[in-house]
Protein backbone atom coordinates (compact mmCIF):
# COMPACT_ATOMS: atom_id res chain seq x y z
CA MET A 1 64.15 -5.67 62.87
CA ARG A 2 65.93 -6.77 59.83
CA ILE A 3 66.74 -10.25 61.76
CA ILE A 4 63.76 -10.59 63.22
CA VAL A 5 61.59 -10.12 59.67
CA LEU A 6 64.00 -12.77 58.56
CA LEU A 7 63.40 -15.15 61.31
CA ILE A 8 59.66 -14.89 61.24
CA ALA A 9 60.03 -15.94 57.29
CA LEU A 10 61.32 -18.66 58.08
CA LEU A 11 59.82 -19.95 60.84
CA ILE A 12 56.04 -19.73 59.43
CA PRO A 13 57.02 -21.83 56.61
CA SER A 14 58.97 -24.40 58.93
CA LEU A 15 55.36 -24.86 60.81
CA ALA A 16 52.96 -25.27 58.26
CA PHE A 17 55.21 -28.03 56.80
CA SER A 18 55.22 -29.47 60.48
CA ALA A 19 53.89 -33.29 60.36
CA PRO A 20 50.28 -33.89 61.03
CA SER A 21 49.61 -34.86 65.21
CA GLN A 22 49.39 -38.04 65.97
CA GLY A 23 45.42 -37.94 66.94
CA PHE A 24 44.07 -37.14 63.67
CA ARG A 25 43.84 -40.10 60.92
CA VAL A 26 43.37 -40.53 57.36
CA THR A 27 41.43 -43.87 56.83
CA ASN A 28 39.92 -45.49 53.89
CA GLU A 29 36.66 -45.36 54.96
CA MET A 30 37.03 -41.77 55.74
CA ILE A 31 38.18 -41.43 52.09
CA TYR A 32 35.46 -43.71 51.41
CA GLN A 33 32.66 -41.77 52.90
CA LYS A 34 34.11 -38.28 50.70
CA LEU A 35 34.07 -39.52 47.97
CA VAL A 36 30.26 -41.16 48.57
CA GLU A 37 29.48 -37.57 49.33
CA ILE A 38 31.32 -36.33 46.60
CA GLU A 39 29.01 -38.63 44.45
CA LYS A 40 25.63 -37.32 46.30
CA ARG A 41 26.99 -33.83 45.25
CA GLN A 42 27.49 -34.77 41.99
CA ALA A 43 24.59 -36.60 41.47
CA VAL A 44 22.62 -33.33 42.76
CA PHE A 45 24.28 -31.53 40.37
CA GLU A 46 23.75 -33.96 37.44
CA GLU A 47 19.88 -33.89 38.45
CA ARG A 48 19.90 -29.74 38.67
CA PHE A 49 21.41 -30.00 34.91
CA LYS A 50 18.72 -32.52 33.61
CA GLN A 51 16.02 -29.97 35.14
CA ILE A 52 18.09 -27.05 33.55
CA ASP A 53 18.45 -29.01 30.25
CA MET A 54 14.52 -29.97 30.52
CA ARG A 55 13.87 -25.97 30.89
CA PHE A 56 16.11 -25.25 27.91
CA GLU A 57 14.39 -27.88 26.44
CA GLN A 58 10.63 -26.49 26.87
CA ILE A 59 12.18 -22.51 26.54
CA ASP A 60 13.09 -23.80 22.26
CA LYS A 61 8.98 -26.06 22.50
CA ARG A 62 8.01 -22.40 23.55
CA PHE A 63 10.11 -20.12 21.25
CA GLU A 64 9.71 -22.93 18.11
CA GLU A 65 5.83 -22.60 19.11
CA LEU A 66 6.05 -18.46 18.93
CA ARG A 67 8.19 -18.66 15.40
CA GLY A 68 4.47 -21.37 14.36
CA ASP A 69 2.48 -18.58 15.12
CA MET A 70 4.02 -16.08 13.95
CA ASN A 71 4.56 -17.47 10.29
CA ARG A 72 0.58 -18.27 10.79
CA ARG A 73 -0.08 -14.75 11.78
CA PHE A 74 2.69 -13.33 9.09
CA GLU A 75 0.72 -16.07 6.35
CA GLN A 76 -2.33 -14.70 7.31
CA ILE A 77 -1.42 -11.11 6.84
CA ASP A 78 -0.05 -11.87 3.36
CA LYS A 79 -3.37 -13.58 2.70
CA ARG A 80 -5.46 -10.77 3.39
CA PHE A 81 -2.95 -8.69 1.27
CA GLU A 82 -3.36 -11.22 -1.62
CA ASP A 83 -7.11 -10.31 -1.17
CA MET A 84 -6.16 -6.79 -1.17
CA ASN A 85 -5.13 -6.95 -4.31
CA LYS A 86 -7.28 -8.95 -6.15
CA ARG A 87 -10.13 -6.85 -4.65
CA PHE A 88 -8.05 -4.11 -6.36
CA ASP A 89 -7.86 -5.63 -9.34
CA GLN A 90 -11.80 -6.09 -9.56
CA LEU A 91 -12.65 -2.88 -9.27
CA TYR A 92 -9.80 -1.49 -11.55
CA THR A 93 -11.67 -3.80 -13.83
CA PHE A 94 -14.79 -2.30 -12.45
CA LEU A 95 -13.35 0.97 -13.32
CA TRP A 96 -12.68 0.12 -17.26
CA ILE A 97 -16.18 -0.88 -17.25
CA ILE A 98 -17.44 1.91 -15.84
CA THR A 99 -15.33 4.02 -18.39
CA GLY A 100 -15.98 2.06 -21.51
CA ILE A 101 -19.92 2.45 -20.63
CA PHE A 102 -19.62 5.25 -20.45
CA THR A 103 -17.28 6.42 -23.54
CA ALA A 104 -19.94 4.28 -25.52
CA ILE A 105 -23.23 6.66 -24.30
CA MET A 106 -21.05 9.82 -24.69
CA VAL A 107 -20.24 8.54 -28.36
CA GLY A 108 -23.73 7.59 -28.31
CA ALA A 109 -25.44 11.24 -27.93
CA PHE A 110 -23.25 13.19 -29.29
CA GLY A 111 -23.62 11.31 -32.38
CA PHE A 112 -27.72 11.53 -31.66
CA ALA A 113 -27.08 14.66 -32.07
CA TYR A 114 -25.78 16.21 -34.94
CA TRP A 115 -27.48 13.17 -36.92
CA ASP A 116 -31.16 15.25 -35.23
CA ARG A 117 -29.41 18.28 -35.93
CA ARG A 118 -28.76 17.44 -39.31
CA THR A 119 -31.98 16.53 -40.01
CA ILE A 120 -33.87 19.05 -37.99
CA ILE A 121 -31.66 21.36 -39.67
CA ALA A 122 -32.17 20.11 -42.73
CA GLU A 123 -35.91 20.02 -42.64
CA ALA A 124 -35.97 23.39 -41.49
CA LYS A 125 -34.58 24.53 -44.54
CA ARG A 126 -36.92 22.70 -46.49
CA GLN A 127 -40.32 24.40 -44.81
CA THR A 128 -38.62 27.86 -45.06
CA LEU A 129 -37.83 27.51 -48.75
CA GLU A 130 -41.63 25.65 -49.58
CA GLU A 131 -42.68 28.91 -47.59
CA LEU A 132 -41.04 31.86 -48.94
CA GLU A 133 -41.57 30.05 -52.21
CA ARG A 134 -45.46 29.76 -51.36
CA ASP A 135 -45.57 33.71 -49.53
CA VAL A 136 -42.77 35.23 -51.80
CA LYS A 137 -43.39 36.32 -55.04
CA PRO A 138 -41.18 37.81 -57.94
CA GLU A 139 -44.11 40.64 -58.49
CA LYS A 140 -43.54 40.82 -54.54
CA LEU A 141 -40.32 40.64 -54.67
CA LYS A 142 -39.27 43.74 -56.68
CA LYS A 143 -41.58 46.52 -55.39
CA LEU A 144 -39.42 45.51 -51.96
CA LEU A 145 -36.33 46.01 -54.64
CA ASN A 146 -37.47 49.41 -55.40
CA VAL A 147 -38.50 50.05 -52.13
CA ALA A 148 -34.98 49.26 -51.25
CA ARG A 149 -33.35 51.72 -53.80
CA GLU A 150 -35.84 54.46 -53.22
CA PHE A 151 -34.73 54.11 -49.42
CA ALA A 152 -31.09 54.50 -49.96
CA LYS A 153 -31.74 57.51 -52.06
CA GLU A 154 -31.94 59.32 -48.82
CA ASN A 155 -29.63 57.04 -46.43
CA GLU A 156 -25.85 56.44 -47.37
CA LYS A 157 -25.17 53.83 -45.64
CA PHE A 158 -28.10 51.65 -46.38
CA ARG A 159 -27.61 52.55 -50.24
CA GLU A 160 -23.29 51.23 -49.64
CA ILE A 161 -24.58 47.43 -48.16
CA LEU A 162 -27.47 47.75 -51.57
CA LYS A 163 -24.01 48.55 -53.58
CA LYS A 164 -21.84 45.32 -51.79
CA GLU A 165 -24.08 43.31 -52.94
CA GLY A 166 -24.73 44.15 -56.06
CA LEU A 167 -28.49 45.23 -55.98
CA LEU A 168 -28.28 48.67 -57.07
């Protein structure tokens, strides 16, 4: 069996390298036609590559347009944020103004109330003293003090109060 394998191994390469048959001859014209076909195919490939390059350029343009659109939108968003920040600053300033006005009104109201109370109390005190001076005469005070002393003799608590105030 080894011999058969060896013979087959030797015969196969010899058949492959055998001389070409006389019926098929390669001529310059055939080579020229093949070269023309190869050039046509190459031209087709070059055309396809040009089309692919054009498509890539179109895609690049689309990306540039998208990038430009995105940049414009981001700029619009940034502008909106700036507008909102300005508005918040205006509102903040307005709140400070309102706070200042409220504080001024409250200080004015408390000042007026204090002044009014002082004025009213002083006037009431003056009127009360005038009425007391007009209505209470020294004779009436002596009588009132005598009545209180008589009552203090009967009521011990009242007596202690009068002693404490120095009226007994």
